[in-house]
C-alpha atoms as a PDB file:
ATOM      1  CA  MET A   1      89.467  87.641 195.977  1.00  0.00           C
ATOM      2  CA  THR A   2      93.566  87.416 196.684  1.00  0.00           C
ATOM      3  CA  ARG A   3      93.716  91.298 195.785  1.00  0.00           C
ATOM      4  CA  LYS A   4      91.614  91.707 198.642  1.00  0.00           C
ATOM      5  CA  ALA A   5      93.532  89.150 201.219  1.00  0.00           C
ATOM      6  CA  LEU A   6      96.406  90.926 199.682  1.00  0.00           C
ATOM      7  CA  ALA A   7      95.539  94.469 200.584  1.00  0.00           C
ATOM      8  CA  LEU A   8      94.662  92.940 204.421  1.00  0.00           C
ATOM      9  CA  ALA A   9      98.166  91.803 204.630  1.00  0.00           C
ATOM     10  CA  CYS A  10      99.284  95.292 202.958  1.00  0.00           C
ATOM     11  CA  LEU A  11      97.149  96.675 206.067  1.00  0.00           C
ATOM     12  CA  ALA A  12      98.139  94.430 208.804  1.00  0.00           C
ATOM     13  CA  CYS A  13     101.585  95.088 208.294  1.00  0.00           C
ATOM     14  CA  MET A  14     101.204  99.366 208.628  1.00  0.00           C
ATOM     15  CA  THR A  15      99.051  98.558 212.300  1.00  0.00           C
ATOM     16  CA  VAL A  16     102.259  96.968 213.645  1.00  0.00           C
ATOM     17  CA  PRO A  17     104.147  99.366 214.877  1.00  0.00           C
ATOM     18  CA  VAL A  18     107.255 100.512 214.471  1.00  0.00           C
ATOM     19  CA  LEU A  19     109.901  99.171 216.900  1.00  0.00           C
ATOM     20  CA  ALA A  20     112.213 102.395 217.165  1.00  0.00           C
ATOM     21  CA  GLN A  21     116.409 101.617 216.973  1.00  0.00           C
ATOM     22  CA  GLU A  22     118.445 102.849 220.136  1.00  0.00           C
ATOM     23  CA  ALA A  23     121.674 104.841 219.078  1.00  0.00           C
ATOM     24  CA  THR A  24     124.460 105.465 220.899  1.00  0.00           C
ATOM     25  CA  THR A  25     126.579 108.838 220.583  1.00  0.00           C
ATOM     26  CA  ALA A  26     130.168 108.415 219.145  1.00  0.00           C
ATOM     27  CA  PRO A  27     133.293 111.298 220.371  1.00  0.00           C
ATOM     28  CA  GLY A  28     133.415 111.555 216.666  1.00  0.00           C
ATOM     29  CA  GLY A  29     132.636 110.313 213.070  1.00  0.00           C
ATOM     30  CA  ILE A  30     134.249 110.320 209.506  1.00  0.00           C
ATOM     31  CA  VAL A  31     133.210 111.928 206.567  1.00  0.00           C
ATOM     32  CA  ARG A  32     134.415 111.515 202.497  1.00  0.00           C
ATOM     33  CA  VAL A  33     134.468 114.573 200.382  1.00  0.00           C
ATOM     34  CA  LEU A  34     134.344 114.531 196.134  1.00  0.00           C
ATOM     35  CA  ASP A  35     135.415 117.681 194.325  1.00  0.00           C
ATOM     36  CA  LYS A  36     134.141 116.710 191.414  1.00  0.00           C
ATOM     37  CA  ILE A  37     135.803 118.249 189.456  1.00  0.00           C
ATOM     38  CA  THR A  38     139.384 117.005 190.737  1.00  0.00           C
ATOM     39  CA  GLY A  39     137.973 113.667 190.782  1.00  0.00           C
ATOM     40  CA  GLU A  40     139.808 113.710 194.506  1.00  0.00           C
ATOM     41  CA  ALA A  41     137.504 112.102 197.405  1.00  0.00           C
ATOM     42  CA  THR A  42     139.198 112.681 200.840  1.00  0.00           C
ATOM     43  CA  ASP A  43     138.325 111.084 204.727  1.00  0.00           C
ATOM     44  CA  LEU A  44     137.451 113.187 207.596  1.00  0.00           C
ATOM     45  CA  GLU A  45     138.337 112.665 210.856  1.00  0.00           C
ATOM     46  CA  LEU A  46     136.005 114.785 212.888  1.00  0.00           C
ATOM     47  CA  ARG A  47     135.354 114.890 216.700  1.00  0.00           C
ATOM     48  CA  THR A  48     132.254 115.855 217.719  1.00  0.00           C
ATOM     49  CA  GLY A  49     132.138 119.676 217.326  1.00  0.00           C
ATOM     50  CA  GLU A  50     135.317 120.143 215.158  1.00  0.00           C
ATOM     51  CA  THR A  51     135.857 121.622 212.102  1.00  0.00           C
ATOM     52  CA  LYS A  52     138.013 120.822 209.225  1.00  0.00           C
ATOM     53  CA  SER A  53     138.300 122.601 206.123  1.00  0.00           C
ATOM     54  CA  ILE A  54     139.361 121.310 202.565  1.00  0.00           C
ATOM     55  CA  GLY A  55     139.236 122.936 199.372  1.00  0.00           C
ATOM     56  CA  GLN A  56     136.792 125.524 199.937  1.00  0.00           C
ATOM     57  CA  LEU A  57     134.173 123.519 202.505  1.00  0.00           C
ATOM     58  CA  SER A  58     134.619 124.418 206.288  1.00  0.00           C
ATOM     59  CA  ILE A  59     132.760 121.018 207.731  1.00  0.00           C
ATOM     60  CA  THR A  60     131.535 120.590 211.231  1.00  0.00           C
ATOM     61  CA  LEU A  61     130.454 117.507 212.677  1.00  0.00           C
ATOM     62  CA  GLY A  62     127.020 117.946 215.761  1.00  0.00           C
ATOM     63  CA  GLU A  63     126.607 114.543 216.239  1.00  0.00           C
ATOM     64  CA  CYS A  64     127.569 111.082 215.274  1.00  0.00           C
ATOM     65  CA  ARG A  65     124.994 107.968 215.470  1.00  0.00           C
ATOM     66  CA  TYR A  66     125.378 104.388 215.241  1.00  0.00           C
ATOM     67  CA  PRO A  67     123.278 101.549 216.308  1.00  0.00           C
ATOM     68  CA  THR A  68     123.915  99.955 220.279  1.00  0.00           C
ATOM     69  CA  ASP A  69     123.751  96.731 219.008  1.00  0.00           C
ATOM     70  CA  ASN A  70     125.922  97.427 216.031  1.00  0.00           C
ATOM     71  CA  PRO A  71     128.862  99.567 216.345  1.00  0.00           C
ATOM     72  CA  SER A  72     129.801  99.043 212.748  1.00  0.00           C
ATOM     73  CA  GLY A  73     126.618  99.414 211.974  1.00  0.00           C
ATOM     74  CA  ASP A  74     124.672 102.775 210.160  1.00  0.00           C
ATOM     75  CA  ALA A  75     126.451 106.263 210.818  1.00  0.00           C
ATOM     76  CA  TYR A  76     124.076 109.736 211.083  1.00  0.00           C
ATOM     77  CA  GLU A  77     126.063 112.617 211.128  1.00  0.00           C
ATOM     78  CA  LEU A  78     124.612 115.655 212.121  1.00  0.00           C
ATOM     79  CA  LEU A  79     127.064 117.963 209.917  1.00  0.00           C
ATOM     80  CA  THR A  80     127.115 121.906 209.192  1.00  0.00           C
ATOM     81  CA  VAL A  81     128.614 122.033 205.373  1.00  0.00           C
ATOM     82  CA  PHE A  82     129.957 126.037 204.634  1.00  0.00           C
ATOM     83  CA  TYR A  83     131.218 127.114 201.366  1.00  0.00           C
ATOM     84  CA  ARG A  84     133.515 130.129 201.156  1.00  0.00           C
ATOM     85  CA  ASP A  85     133.145 132.172 203.177  1.00  0.00           C
ATOM     86  CA  THR A  86     129.122 132.768 203.076  1.00  0.00           C
ATOM     87  CA  PRO A  87     127.075 133.414 205.951  1.00  0.00           C
ATOM     88  CA  ASP A  88     124.711 130.541 205.486  1.00  0.00           C
ATOM     89  CA  PRO A  89     125.872 126.728 205.688  1.00  0.00           C
ATOM     90  CA  VAL A  90     125.085 124.823 202.192  1.00  0.00           C
ATOM     91  CA  PHE A  91     124.424 122.086 204.372  1.00  0.00           C
ATOM     92  CA  GLN A  92     122.772 121.723 207.813  1.00  0.00           C
ATOM     93  CA  GLY A  93     121.087 118.248 208.713  1.00  0.00           C
ATOM     94  CA  TRP A  94     121.056 114.652 209.402  1.00  0.00           C
ATOM     95  CA  MET A  95     122.819 112.528 206.824  1.00  0.00           C
ATOM     96  CA  ILE A  96     122.739 108.705 206.646  1.00  0.00           C
ATOM     97  CA  ALA A  97     125.931 106.351 205.754  1.00  0.00           C
ATOM     98  CA  SER A  98     123.562 104.286 204.533  1.00  0.00           C
ATOM     99  CA  ALA A  99     121.244 106.218 202.467  1.00  0.00           C
ATOM    100  CA  PRO A 100     122.934 109.565 202.150  1.00  0.00           C
ATOM    101  CA  ALA A 101     120.655 111.125 199.220  1.00  0.00           C
ATOM    102  CA  LEU A 102     117.818 111.474 201.555  1.00  0.00           C
ATOM    103  CA  SER A 103     119.330 113.583 202.807  1.00  0.00           C
ATOM    104  CA  ALA A 104     121.711 115.237 200.057  1.00  0.00           C
ATOM    105  CA  MET A 105     123.925 118.282 199.852  1.00  0.00           C
ATOM    106  CA  ASP A 106     123.346 119.799 196.704  1.00  0.00           C
ATOM    107  CA  HIS A 107     126.521 121.926 195.240  1.00  0.00           C
ATOM    108  CA  PRO A 108     127.799 121.353 191.873  1.00  0.00           C
ATOM    109  CA  ARG A 109     131.460 121.428 192.865  1.00  0.00           C
ATOM    110  CA  TYR A 110     132.013 118.930 195.712  1.00  0.00           C
ATOM    111  CA  ASP A 111     130.064 115.929 197.445  1.00  0.00           C
ATOM    112  CA  VAL A 112     129.572 114.281 201.049  1.00  0.00           C
ATOM    113  CA  TRP A 113     128.604 112.366 203.321  1.00  0.00           C
ATOM    114  CA  PRO A 114     129.060 110.507 206.387  1.00  0.00           C
ATOM    115  CA  LEU A 115     131.468 107.310 206.303  1.00  0.00           C
ATOM    116  CA  ARG A 116     131.077 106.109 209.802  1.00  0.00           C
ATOM    117  CA  CYS A 117     131.457 106.819 213.262  1.00  0.00           C
ATOM    118  CA  ILE A 118     135.069 106.484 215.512  1.00  0.00           C
ATOM    119  CA  THR A 119     133.319 104.245 218.670  1.00  0.00           C
ATOM    120  CA  SER A 120     137.019 104.812 220.063  1.00  0.00           C
END
């Protein structure tokens, strides 16, 4: 009986629509870069559309979004990362500050992840 009740409860939870969180676009964001060889971590402040280089990486911020009702909340950053002068990016897509492993950059030397949006 308890398995049936648990199954019904789970089914009921899956049928409830998920409410989308409203997001606001920020003028910029902060990204942390870790050089795994030297152990050095550096924070880069980027404006939307801006590209900065650190070590052998070039990082471009396409957009930074944050929850409208919580400006200090989770940041979502659209990043493009190039290594050296390669024509194809080593990463291109969205990263989430609270869960960077969901969409991680796979690189043997560098880790890159978003920290927060710049709201002013």
